[in-house]
Amino acid sequence: MKVLILLQIAFVVLFYSCNKQNVKLDISAANESKLISNTIHSISSDVKMVYIPGGEYKPFYGSEYVLTKVAPFLVDERAVTNEEFLAFVKANPQWSKSNIKKIFADSTYLRDWQSDTELPKNAKPDAPICFVSWFAAKAYAQSVGKRLPTLDEWEFIAMADETSPNARAKPEYSSNITSLYLQKERQYYSVKQSKPNYWGVYNIFDLIWEWTDDFNSVLTTNDSRTGQYEDKDLFCAGSATSSTDVLNYAAFMRFALRVSVKANYTIANLGFRCAKDTSINNKK
């Protein structure tokens, strides 16, 4: 019963967000990202990156018979933390709470920070950073020589449980994730306190929602990678029926969130991790 209620909530969020006037139906966020200063100062990062061999997977939205190819890539084993983002802000004060331009973040950016260089009171330095916009996440990734994972890369990783690379067919797969989503204030916990998944990636579900580079590319009735938004009403009305896995309640919740946000939004439990291209092509 609880899961059915969550699915209904996901539908409401999805349909409501599709009818909001401020929903982006173009790819302007990608264009606006070009406005990010070219003077971002680099910082060091010692986060372990995990090799993902890529492959084919069935996207949550689209044709049931069309698989999407994901090239090999590297991804941070965990989300970016409070202390890491603080180091970024100190090196790049234009991204501090008092200096950031409104085009890059809304009024709740780093909301609970005590000052430009002070974390929230009682915040754990190794908890994931939240209240950051897509623009800020992109800037951080640039500063460490990385990027944000694409939606396909993130969802490819998300198919895994602790023992298999694709656990979608397991009855408990979606319900376990949904149970994690129900936990309150989970974003305040330290990273890497739970077991990693099959790929060695931690906290893909149990701490925060995460930005992807092309988060708003789901607003399309064709290939979600093209960024071409042809018919908003058709997408919104057909969003549930075009799903390739109607029982994956957790995925409905993720995609409902993605279509409801804009690039400058900051949310209490929305953070990010970084990724990177790789020329390695090994199969696990």
C-alpha atoms as a PDB file:
ATOM      1  CA  MET A   1       0.000   0.000   0.000  1.00  0.00           C
ATOM      2  CA  LYS A   2       2.801   2.416   0.915  1.00  0.00           C
ATOM      3  CA  VAL A   3       4.541   1.755  -2.406  1.00  0.00           C
ATOM      4  CA  LEU A   4       1.332   2.399  -4.350  1.00  0.00           C
ATOM      5  CA  ILE A   5       0.909   5.714  -2.556  1.00  0.00           C
ATOM      6  CA  LEU A   6       4.470   6.654  -3.473  1.00  0.00           C
ATOM      7  CA  LEU A   7       3.798   5.830  -7.103  1.00  0.00           C
ATOM      8  CA  GLN A   8       0.716   8.041  -7.053  1.00  0.00           C
ATOM      9  CA  ILE A   9       2.799  10.857  -5.582  1.00  0.00           C
ATOM     10  CA  ALA A  10       5.382  10.377  -8.318  1.00  0.00           C
ATOM     11  CA  PHE A  11       2.668  10.685 -10.970  1.00  0.00           C
ATOM     12  CA  VAL A  12       1.317  13.855  -9.361  1.00  0.00           C
ATOM     13  CA  VAL A  13       4.777  15.428  -9.256  1.00  0.00           C
ATOM     14  CA  LEU A  14       5.423  14.394 -12.838  1.00  0.00           C
ATOM     15  CA  PHE A  15       2.170  15.758 -14.221  1.00  0.00           C
ATOM     16  CA  TYR A  16       2.300  18.919 -12.097  1.00  0.00           C
ATOM     17  CA  SER A  17       5.847  19.682 -13.129  1.00  0.00           C
ATOM     18  CA  CYS A  18       4.957  19.201 -16.778  1.00  0.00           C
ATOM     19  CA  ASN A  19       2.263  21.854 -16.515  1.00  0.00           C
ATOM     20  CA  LYS A  20       4.323  24.418 -14.591  1.00  0.00           C
ATOM     21  CA  GLN A  21       5.176  27.441 -16.702  1.00  0.00           C
ATOM     22  CA  ASN A  22       8.762  27.410 -15.527  1.00  0.00           C
ATOM     23  CA  VAL A  23       9.561  23.908 -16.779  1.00  0.00           C
ATOM     24  CA  LYS A  24      12.407  24.059 -19.256  1.00  0.00           C
ATOM     25  CA  LEU A  25      11.368  22.760 -22.667  1.00  0.00           C
ATOM     26  CA  ASP A  26      14.631  23.592 -24.340  1.00  0.00           C
ATOM     27  CA  ILE A  27      18.245  22.859 -23.677  1.00  0.00           C
ATOM     28  CA  SER A  28      19.081  26.362 -22.451  1.00  0.00           C
ATOM     29  CA  ALA A  29      20.698  25.024 -19.292  1.00  0.00           C
ATOM     30  CA  ALA A  30      23.452  23.574 -21.421  1.00  0.00           C
ATOM     31  CA  ASN A  31      23.849  26.896 -23.208  1.00  0.00           C
ATOM     32  CA  GLU A  32      23.841  28.849 -19.960  1.00  0.00           C
ATOM     33  CA  SER A  33      26.598  26.621 -18.609  1.00  0.00           C
ATOM     34  CA  LYS A  34      28.904  28.300 -21.103  1.00  0.00           C
ATOM     35  CA  LEU A  35      28.555  31.418 -18.959  1.00  0.00           C
ATOM     36  CA  ILE A  36      30.422  29.708 -16.131  1.00  0.00           C
ATOM     37  CA  SER A  37      33.677  31.518 -15.572  1.00  0.00           C
ATOM     38  CA  ASN A  38      36.685  30.214 -17.450  1.00  0.00           C
ATOM     39  CA  THR A  39      38.804  31.272 -14.494  1.00  0.00           C
ATOM     40  CA  ILE A  40      37.827  28.390 -12.238  1.00  0.00           C
ATOM     41  CA  HIS A  41      40.830  27.449 -10.128  1.00  0.00           C
ATOM     42  CA  SER A  42      41.709  23.791  -9.969  1.00  0.00           C
ATOM     43  CA  ILE A  43      41.683  21.874  -6.717  1.00  0.00           C
ATOM     44  CA  SER A  44      42.992  18.412  -5.952  1.00  0.00           C
ATOM     45  CA  SER A  45      40.775  15.382  -5.499  1.00  0.00           C
ATOM     46  CA  ASP A  46      41.807  12.040  -4.070  1.00  0.00           C
ATOM     47  CA  VAL A  47      38.447  10.341  -4.490  1.00  0.00           C
ATOM     48  CA  LYS A  48      38.759   6.843  -5.856  1.00  0.00           C
ATOM     49  CA  MET A  49      37.218   6.470  -9.293  1.00  0.00           C
ATOM     50  CA  VAL A  50      35.584   3.200 -10.291  1.00  0.00           C
ATOM     51  CA  TYR A  51      35.843   1.792 -13.798  1.00  0.00           C
ATOM     52  CA  ILE A  52      32.490   1.030 -15.421  1.00  0.00           C
ATOM     53  CA  PRO A  53      32.864  -1.100 -18.573  1.00  0.00           C
ATOM     54  CA  GLY A  54      29.667   0.167 -20.143  1.00  0.00           C
ATOM     55  CA  GLY A  55      27.397  -1.924 -22.295  1.00  0.00           C
ATOM     56  CA  GLU A  56      23.774  -1.844 -23.336  1.00  0.00           C
ATOM     57  CA  TYR A  57      20.755  -1.200 -21.155  1.00  0.00           C
ATOM     58  CA  LYS A  58      17.056  -0.536 -21.478  1.00  0.00           C
ATOM     59  CA  PRO A  59      16.263   3.070 -20.499  1.00  0.00           C
ATOM     60  CA  PHE A  60      13.343   3.609 -18.159  1.00  0.00           C
ATOM     61  CA  TYR A  61      11.599   5.694 -20.822  1.00  0.00           C
ATOM     62  CA  GLY A  62      11.382   4.805 -24.497  1.00  0.00           C
ATOM     63  CA  SER A  63      10.815   1.731 -26.576  1.00  0.00           C
ATOM     64  CA  GLU A  64      10.822  -1.605 -24.819  1.00  0.00           C
ATOM     65  CA  TYR A  65      12.743  -3.054 -27.732  1.00  0.00           C
ATOM     66  CA  VAL A  66      15.491  -0.453 -28.090  1.00  0.00           C
ATOM     67  CA  LEU A  67      18.656  -0.692 -26.023  1.00  0.00           C
ATOM     68  CA  THR A  68      20.978   2.231 -25.378  1.00  0.00           C
ATOM     69  CA  LYS A  69      24.736   1.848 -25.554  1.00  0.00           C
ATOM     70  CA  VAL A  70      26.850   3.247 -22.743  1.00  0.00           C
ATOM     71  CA  ALA A  71      30.570   3.661 -23.390  1.00  0.00           C
ATOM     72  CA  PRO A  72      33.110   2.770 -20.694  1.00  0.00           C
ATOM     73  CA  PHE A  73      33.643   5.538 -18.153  1.00  0.00           C
ATOM     74  CA  LEU A  74      35.010   6.310 -14.708  1.00  0.00           C
ATOM     75  CA  VAL A  75      32.841   7.463 -11.817  1.00  0.00           C
ATOM     76  CA  ASP A  76      33.610   8.601  -8.287  1.00  0.00           C
ATOM     77  CA  GLU A  77      32.927   5.818  -5.831  1.00  0.00           C
ATOM     78  CA  ARG A  78      30.964   8.250  -3.668  1.00  0.00           C
ATOM     79  CA  ALA A  79      29.289  11.656  -3.725  1.00  0.00           C
ATOM     80  CA  VAL A  80      31.144  14.949  -3.288  1.00  0.00           C
ATOM     81  CA  THR A  81      31.263  15.860   0.406  1.00  0.00           C
ATOM     82  CA  ASN A  82      30.814  19.035   2.427  1.00  0.00           C
ATOM     83  CA  GLU A  83      34.523  19.449   3.074  1.00  0.00           C
ATOM     84  CA  GLU A  84      35.387  18.962  -0.590  1.00  0.00           C
ATOM     85  CA  PHE A  85      32.900  21.570  -1.736  1.00  0.00           C
ATOM     86  CA  LEU A  86      34.175  23.930   0.943  1.00  0.00           C
ATOM     87  CA  ALA A  87      37.680  23.593  -0.503  1.00  0.00           C
ATOM     88  CA  PHE A  88      36.258  24.401  -3.933  1.00  0.00           C
ATOM     89  CA  VAL A  89      34.488  27.517  -2.649  1.00  0.00           C
ATOM     90  CA  LYS A  90      37.622  28.750  -0.881  1.00  0.00           C
ATOM     91  CA  ALA A  91      39.583  28.394  -4.117  1.00  0.00           C
ATOM     92  CA  ASN A  92      36.743  29.867  -6.173  1.00  0.00           C
ATOM     93  CA  PRO A  93      34.995  32.557  -4.089  1.00  0.00           C
ATOM     94  CA  GLN A  94      32.757  33.482  -7.021  1.00  0.00           C
ATOM     95  CA  TRP A  95      30.848  30.299  -6.112  1.00  0.00           C
ATOM     96  CA  SER A  96      30.433  31.263  -2.472  1.00  0.00           C
ATOM     97  CA  LYS A  97      27.054  31.822  -0.889  1.00  0.00           C
ATOM     98  CA  SER A  98      27.263  35.619  -1.019  1.00  0.00           C
ATOM     99  CA  ASN A  99      28.900  35.964  -4.429  1.00  0.00           C
ATOM    100  CA  ILE A 100      27.146  33.487  -6.676  1.00  0.00           C
ATOM    101  CA  LYS A 101      25.112  35.004  -9.503  1.00  0.00           C
ATOM    102  CA  LYS A 102      21.366  34.443  -9.436  1.00  0.00           C
ATOM    103  CA  ILE A 103      21.459  32.868 -12.857  1.00  0.00           C
ATOM    104  CA  PHE A 104      23.562  30.052 -11.397  1.00  0.00           C
ATOM    105  CA  ALA A 105      21.653  29.308  -8.174  1.00  0.00           C
ATOM    106  CA  ASP A 106      18.411  30.142  -6.431  1.00  0.00           C
ATOM    107  CA  SER A 107      18.023  31.712  -2.996  1.00  0.00           C
ATOM    108  CA  THR A 108      18.579  28.485  -1.037  1.00  0.00           C
ATOM    109  CA  TYR A 109      22.071  27.815  -2.398  1.00  0.00           C
ATOM    110  CA  LEU A 110      24.213  26.485   0.475  1.00  0.00           C
ATOM    111  CA  ARG A 111      21.299  27.523   2.660  1.00  0.00           C
ATOM    112  CA  ASP A 112      22.515  26.297   6.043  1.00  0.00           C
ATOM    113  CA  TRP A 113      26.131  27.415   5.771  1.00  0.00           C
ATOM    114  CA  GLN A 114      27.062  29.766   8.603  1.00  0.00           C
ATOM    115  CA  SER A 115      29.117  31.936   6.262  1.00  0.00           C
ATOM    116  CA  ASP A 116      30.853  31.735   2.910  1.00  0.00           C
ATOM    117  CA  THR A 117      33.528  29.487   4.381  1.00  0.00           C
ATOM    118  CA  GLU A 118      31.767  27.823   7.311  1.00  0.00           C
ATOM    119  CA  LEU A 119      29.786  24.621   7.015  1.00  0.00           C
ATOM    120  CA  PRO A 120      26.400  24.297   8.730  1.00  0.00           C
ATOM    121  CA  LYS A 121      26.537  23.861  12.477  1.00  0.00           C
ATOM    122  CA  ASN A 122      26.996  20.187  13.400  1.00  0.00           C
ATOM    123  CA  ALA A 123      27.379  19.215   9.739  1.00  0.00           C
ATOM    124  CA  LYS A 124      29.601  16.229   9.082  1.00  0.00           C
ATOM    125  CA  PRO A 125      32.508  17.124   6.806  1.00  0.00           C
ATOM    126  CA  ASP A 126      32.202  13.732   5.098  1.00  0.00           C
ATOM    127  CA  ALA A 127      28.455  13.961   4.483  1.00  0.00           C
ATOM    128  CA  PRO A 128      27.383  14.689   0.904  1.00  0.00           C
ATOM    129  CA  ILE A 129      27.091  18.311  -0.132  1.00  0.00           C
ATOM    130  CA  CYS A 130      23.504  19.420  -0.832  1.00  0.00           C
ATOM    131  CA  PHE A 131      21.722  22.684  -1.636  1.00  0.00           C
ATOM    132  CA  VAL A 132      23.902  23.020  -4.738  1.00  0.00           C
ATOM    133  CA  SER A 133      22.684  23.803  -8.237  1.00  0.00           C
ATOM    134  CA  TRP A 134      23.519  21.988 -11.451  1.00  0.00           C
ATOM    135  CA  PHE A 135      25.719  24.933 -12.415  1.00  0.00           C
ATOM    136  CA  ALA A 136      27.674  24.694  -9.159  1.00  0.00           C
ATOM    137  CA  ALA A 137      28.056  20.945  -9.563  1.00  0.00           C
ATOM    138  CA  LYS A 138      29.363  21.469 -13.109  1.00  0.00           C
ATOM    139  CA  ALA A 139      31.827  24.100 -11.899  1.00  0.00           C
ATOM    140  CA  TYR A 140      33.114  21.831  -9.132  1.00  0.00           C
ATOM    141  CA  ALA A 141      33.568  18.965 -11.568  1.00  0.00           C
ATOM    142  CA  GLN A 142      35.536  21.258 -13.870  1.00  0.00           C
ATOM    143  CA  SER A 143      37.780  22.293 -10.998  1.00  0.00           C
ATOM    144  CA  VAL A 144      38.846  18.674 -10.386  1.00  0.00           C
ATOM    145  CA  GLY A 145      39.211  17.831 -14.085  1.00  0.00           C
ATOM    146  CA  LYS A 146      36.049  15.778 -14.275  1.00  0.00           C
ATOM    147  CA  ARG A 147      32.416  16.142 -15.346  1.00  0.00           C
ATOM    148  CA  LEU A 148      28.971  15.111 -14.187  1.00  0.00           C
ATOM    149  CA  PRO A 149      27.786  11.641 -15.209  1.00  0.00           C
ATOM    150  CA  THR A 150      25.222  11.513 -17.974  1.00  0.00           C
ATOM    151  CA  LEU A 151      21.724  10.278 -17.214  1.00  0.00           C
ATOM    152  CA  ASP A 152      22.431   7.036 -19.079  1.00  0.00           C
ATOM    153  CA  GLU A 153      25.664   6.468 -17.179  1.00  0.00           C
ATOM    154  CA  TRP A 154      23.953   7.078 -13.845  1.00  0.00           C
ATOM    155  CA  GLU A 155      21.025   4.804 -14.635  1.00  0.00           C
ATOM    156  CA  PHE A 156      23.395   2.120 -15.936  1.00  0.00           C
ATOM    157  CA  ILE A 157      25.123   2.078 -12.550  1.00  0.00           C
ATOM    158  CA  ALA A 158      21.788   2.213 -10.768  1.00  0.00           C
ATOM    159  CA  MET A 159      20.672  -1.101 -12.261  1.00  0.00           C
ATOM    160  CA  ALA A 160      23.121  -2.937 -10.031  1.00  0.00           C
ATOM    161  CA  ASP A 161      22.634  -4.320  -6.555  1.00  0.00           C
ATOM    162  CA  GLU A 162      25.399  -5.731  -4.386  1.00  0.00           C
ATOM    163  CA  THR A 163      25.787  -8.955  -6.373  1.00  0.00           C
ATOM    164  CA  SER A 164      24.728  -8.339  -9.980  1.00  0.00           C
ATOM    165  CA  PRO A 165      25.154  -5.599 -12.602  1.00  0.00           C
ATOM    166  CA  ASN A 166      21.455  -5.659 -13.513  1.00  0.00           C
ATOM    167  CA  ALA A 167      19.064  -6.414 -10.684  1.00  0.00           C
ATOM    168  CA  ARG A 168      15.957  -4.876 -12.225  1.00  0.00           C
ATOM    169  CA  ALA A 169      14.251  -8.234 -12.640  1.00  0.00           C
ATOM    170  CA  LYS A 170      14.532  -9.038  -8.947  1.00  0.00           C
ATOM    171  CA  PRO A 171      11.218  -8.462  -7.136  1.00  0.00           C
ATOM    172  CA  GLU A 172      12.911  -6.744  -4.214  1.00  0.00           C
ATOM    173  CA  TYR A 173      15.034  -4.385  -6.347  1.00  0.00           C
ATOM    174  CA  SER A 174      12.597  -1.477  -6.596  1.00  0.00           C
ATOM    175  CA  SER A 175      11.011  -1.956  -3.170  1.00  0.00           C
ATOM    176  CA  ASN A 176      14.401  -1.880  -1.438  1.00  0.00           C
ATOM    177  CA  ILE A 177      15.290   1.393  -3.155  1.00  0.00           C
ATOM    178  CA  THR A 178      11.917   2.899  -2.352  1.00  0.00           C
ATOM    179  CA  SER A 179      12.431   2.015   1.305  1.00  0.00           C
ATOM    180  CA  LEU A 180      15.735   3.886   1.233  1.00  0.00           C
ATOM    181  CA  TYR A 181      14.047   6.908  -0.327  1.00  0.00           C
ATOM    182  CA  LEU A 182      11.592   6.935   2.597  1.00  0.00           C
ATOM    183  CA  GLN A 183      14.315   7.443   5.198  1.00  0.00           C
ATOM    184  CA  LYS A 184      14.241  10.953   6.621  1.00  0.00           C
ATOM    185  CA  GLU A 185      17.304  13.207   6.827  1.00  0.00           C
ATOM    186  CA  ARG A 186      19.477  10.576   5.181  1.00  0.00           C
ATOM    187  CA  GLN A 187      21.525  13.328   3.500  1.00  0.00           C
ATOM    188  CA  TYR A 188      23.191  14.136   6.831  1.00  0.00           C
ATOM    189  CA  TYR A 189      24.911  10.755   7.133  1.00  0.00           C
ATOM    190  CA  SER A 190      28.561  10.173   6.224  1.00  0.00           C
ATOM    191  CA  VAL A 191      29.366   8.635   2.869  1.00  0.00           C
ATOM    192  CA  LYS A 192      30.516   5.030   2.466  1.00  0.00           C
ATOM    193  CA  GLN A 193      28.751   3.695   5.556  1.00  0.00           C
ATOM    194  CA  SER A 194      26.766   1.146   3.569  1.00  0.00           C
ATOM    195  CA  LYS A 195      27.966  -1.594   1.238  1.00  0.00           C
ATOM    196  CA  PRO A 196      28.906  -0.694  -2.344  1.00  0.00           C
ATOM    197  CA  ASN A 197      27.042  -2.125  -5.294  1.00  0.00           C
ATOM    198  CA  TYR A 198      28.359  -4.621  -7.830  1.00  0.00           C
ATOM    199  CA  TRP A 199      30.592  -1.994  -9.452  1.00  0.00           C
ATOM    200  CA  GLY A 200      32.063  -0.742  -6.187  1.00  0.00           C
ATOM    201  CA  VAL A 201      29.931   2.422  -6.149  1.00  0.00           C
ATOM    202  CA  TYR A 202      28.652   3.627  -2.783  1.00  0.00           C
ATOM    203  CA  ASN A 203      25.407   5.354  -1.793  1.00  0.00           C
ATOM    204  CA  ILE A 204      23.808   5.431  -5.196  1.00  0.00           C
ATOM    205  CA  PHE A 205      20.384   5.462  -3.509  1.00  0.00           C
ATOM    206  CA  ASP A 206      20.620   5.674   0.265  1.00  0.00           C
ATOM    207  CA  LEU A 207      21.834   9.241   0.913  1.00  0.00           C
ATOM    208  CA  ILE A 208      20.836  11.787  -1.732  1.00  0.00           C
ATOM    209  CA  TRP A 209      19.370  12.440  -5.138  1.00  0.00           C
ATOM    210  CA  GLU A 210      22.107  13.275  -7.648  1.00  0.00           C
ATOM    211  CA  TRP A 211      22.468  15.704 -10.530  1.00  0.00           C
ATOM    212  CA  THR A 212      23.309  14.310 -13.948  1.00  0.00           C
ATOM    213  CA  ASP A 213      24.824  16.320 -16.772  1.00  0.00           C
ATOM    214  CA  ASP A 214      21.747  16.029 -18.991  1.00  0.00           C
ATOM    215  CA  PHE A 215      19.092  15.772 -16.281  1.00  0.00           C
ATOM    216  CA  ASN A 216      16.455  17.617 -18.322  1.00  0.00           C
ATOM    217  CA  SER A 217      16.916  15.461 -21.428  1.00  0.00           C
ATOM    218  CA  VAL A 218      14.065  13.260 -20.198  1.00  0.00           C
ATOM    219  CA  LEU A 219      11.653  15.922 -21.478  1.00  0.00           C
ATOM    220  CA  THR A 220      11.331  14.370 -24.911  1.00  0.00           C
ATOM    221  CA  THR A 221       9.127  11.989 -26.822  1.00  0.00           C
ATOM    222  CA  ASN A 222      12.026  10.625 -28.855  1.00  0.00           C
ATOM    223  CA  ASP A 223      15.564   9.648 -27.884  1.00  0.00           C
ATOM    224  CA  SER A 224      16.281  11.045 -24.421  1.00  0.00           C
ATOM    225  CA  ARG A 225      19.863  11.727 -25.459  1.00  0.00           C
ATOM    226  CA  THR A 226      18.987  14.160 -28.286  1.00  0.00           C
ATOM    227  CA  GLY A 227      17.785  17.022 -26.118  1.00  0.00           C
ATOM    228  CA  GLN A 228      15.026  17.789 -28.650  1.00  0.00           C
ATOM    229  CA  TYR A 229      11.748  18.580 -26.927  1.00  0.00           C
ATOM    230  CA  GLU A 230       9.095  18.118 -29.586  1.00  0.00           C
ATOM    231  CA  ASP A 231       5.795  17.722 -27.772  1.00  0.00           C
ATOM    232  CA  LYS A 232       5.490  18.594 -24.122  1.00  0.00           C
ATOM    233  CA  ASP A 233       1.843  17.511 -23.783  1.00  0.00           C
ATOM    234  CA  LEU A 234       2.447  14.137 -25.403  1.00  0.00           C
ATOM    235  CA  PHE A 235       5.394  13.447 -23.123  1.00  0.00           C
ATOM    236  CA  CYS A 236       3.524  14.422 -19.994  1.00  0.00           C
ATOM    237  CA  ALA A 237       0.357  12.499 -20.823  1.00  0.00           C
ATOM    238  CA  GLY A 238       2.221   9.433 -21.969  1.00  0.00           C
ATOM    239  CA  SER A 239       4.978   9.424 -19.399  1.00  0.00           C
ATOM    240  CA  ALA A 240       3.663   6.456 -17.457  1.00  0.00           C
ATOM    241  CA  THR A 241       2.618   4.337 -20.425  1.00  0.00           C
ATOM    242  CA  SER A 242       5.929   4.951 -22.220  1.00  0.00           C
ATOM    243  CA  SER A 243       7.842   3.533 -19.288  1.00  0.00           C
ATOM    244  CA  THR A 244       9.642   0.283 -20.008  1.00  0.00           C
ATOM    245  CA  ASP A 245       9.188  -0.872 -16.414  1.00  0.00           C
ATOM    246  CA  VAL A 246       5.858   0.254 -14.951  1.00  0.00           C
ATOM    247  CA  LEU A 247       6.537  -1.489 -11.632  1.00  0.00           C
ATOM    248  CA  ASN A 248       9.820   0.320 -10.997  1.00  0.00           C
ATOM    249  CA  TYR A 249       8.379   2.809  -8.506  1.00  0.00           C
ATOM    250  CA  ALA A 250      11.783   4.128  -7.479  1.00  0.00           C
ATOM    251  CA  ALA A 251      12.610   5.098 -11.066  1.00  0.00           C
ATOM    252  CA  PHE A 252       9.276   6.901 -11.393  1.00  0.00           C
ATOM    253  CA  MET A 253      10.260   8.960  -8.372  1.00  0.00           C
ATOM    254  CA  ARG A 254      13.677   9.811  -9.825  1.00  0.00           C
ATOM    255  CA  PHE A 255      12.300  10.875 -13.178  1.00  0.00           C
ATOM    256  CA  ALA A 256       9.510  12.853 -11.532  1.00  0.00           C
ATOM    257  CA  LEU A 257      12.187  14.832  -9.701  1.00  0.00           C
ATOM    258  CA  ARG A 258      14.257  15.339 -12.841  1.00  0.00           C
ATOM    259  CA  VAL A 259      11.432  16.868 -14.830  1.00  0.00           C
ATOM    260  CA  SER A 260      10.477  19.170 -11.958  1.00  0.00           C
ATOM    261  CA  VAL A 261      13.814  20.937 -11.459  1.00  0.00           C
ATOM    262  CA  LYS A 262      15.729  23.629 -13.296  1.00  0.00           C
ATOM    263  CA  ALA A 263      19.481  24.028 -13.459  1.00  0.00           C
ATOM    264  CA  ASN A 264      19.606  26.773 -10.829  1.00  0.00           C
ATOM    265  CA  TYR A 265      17.461  24.913  -8.282  1.00  0.00           C
ATOM    266  CA  THR A 266      18.982  23.857  -4.969  1.00  0.00           C
ATOM    267  CA  ILE A 267      17.333  21.188  -2.817  1.00  0.00           C
ATOM    268  CA  ALA A 268      17.979  19.883   0.689  1.00  0.00           C
ATOM    269  CA  ASN A 269      18.859  16.344  -0.439  1.00  0.00           C
ATOM    270  CA  LEU A 270      20.171  16.910  -3.968  1.00  0.00           C
ATOM    271  CA  GLY A 271      23.925  16.614  -4.502  1.00  0.00           C
ATOM    272  CA  PHE A 272      26.242  15.040  -7.045  1.00  0.00           C
ATOM    273  CA  ARG A 273      29.238  12.875  -7.832  1.00  0.00           C
ATOM    274  CA  CYS A 274      31.746  13.245 -10.664  1.00  0.00           C
ATOM    275  CA  ALA A 275      32.599  11.114 -13.662  1.00  0.00           C
ATOM    276  CA  LYS A 276      35.260  11.041 -16.344  1.00  0.00           C
ATOM    277  CA  ASP A 277      35.820   9.669 -19.824  1.00  0.00           C
ATOM    278  CA  THR A 278      38.222   6.776 -20.222  1.00  0.00           C
ATOM    279  CA  SER A 279      40.015   5.078 -23.095  1.00  0.00           C
ATOM    280  CA  ILE A 280      40.147   1.796 -21.178  1.00  0.00           C
ATOM    281  CA  ASN A 281      37.874  -0.829 -22.660  1.00  0.00           C
ATOM    282  CA  ASN A 282      37.940  -3.834 -20.377  1.00  0.00           C
ATOM    283  CA  LYS A 283      34.980  -6.076 -19.631  1.00  0.00           C
ATOM    284  CA  LYS A 284      34.399  -7.171 -16.050  1.00  0.00           C
END
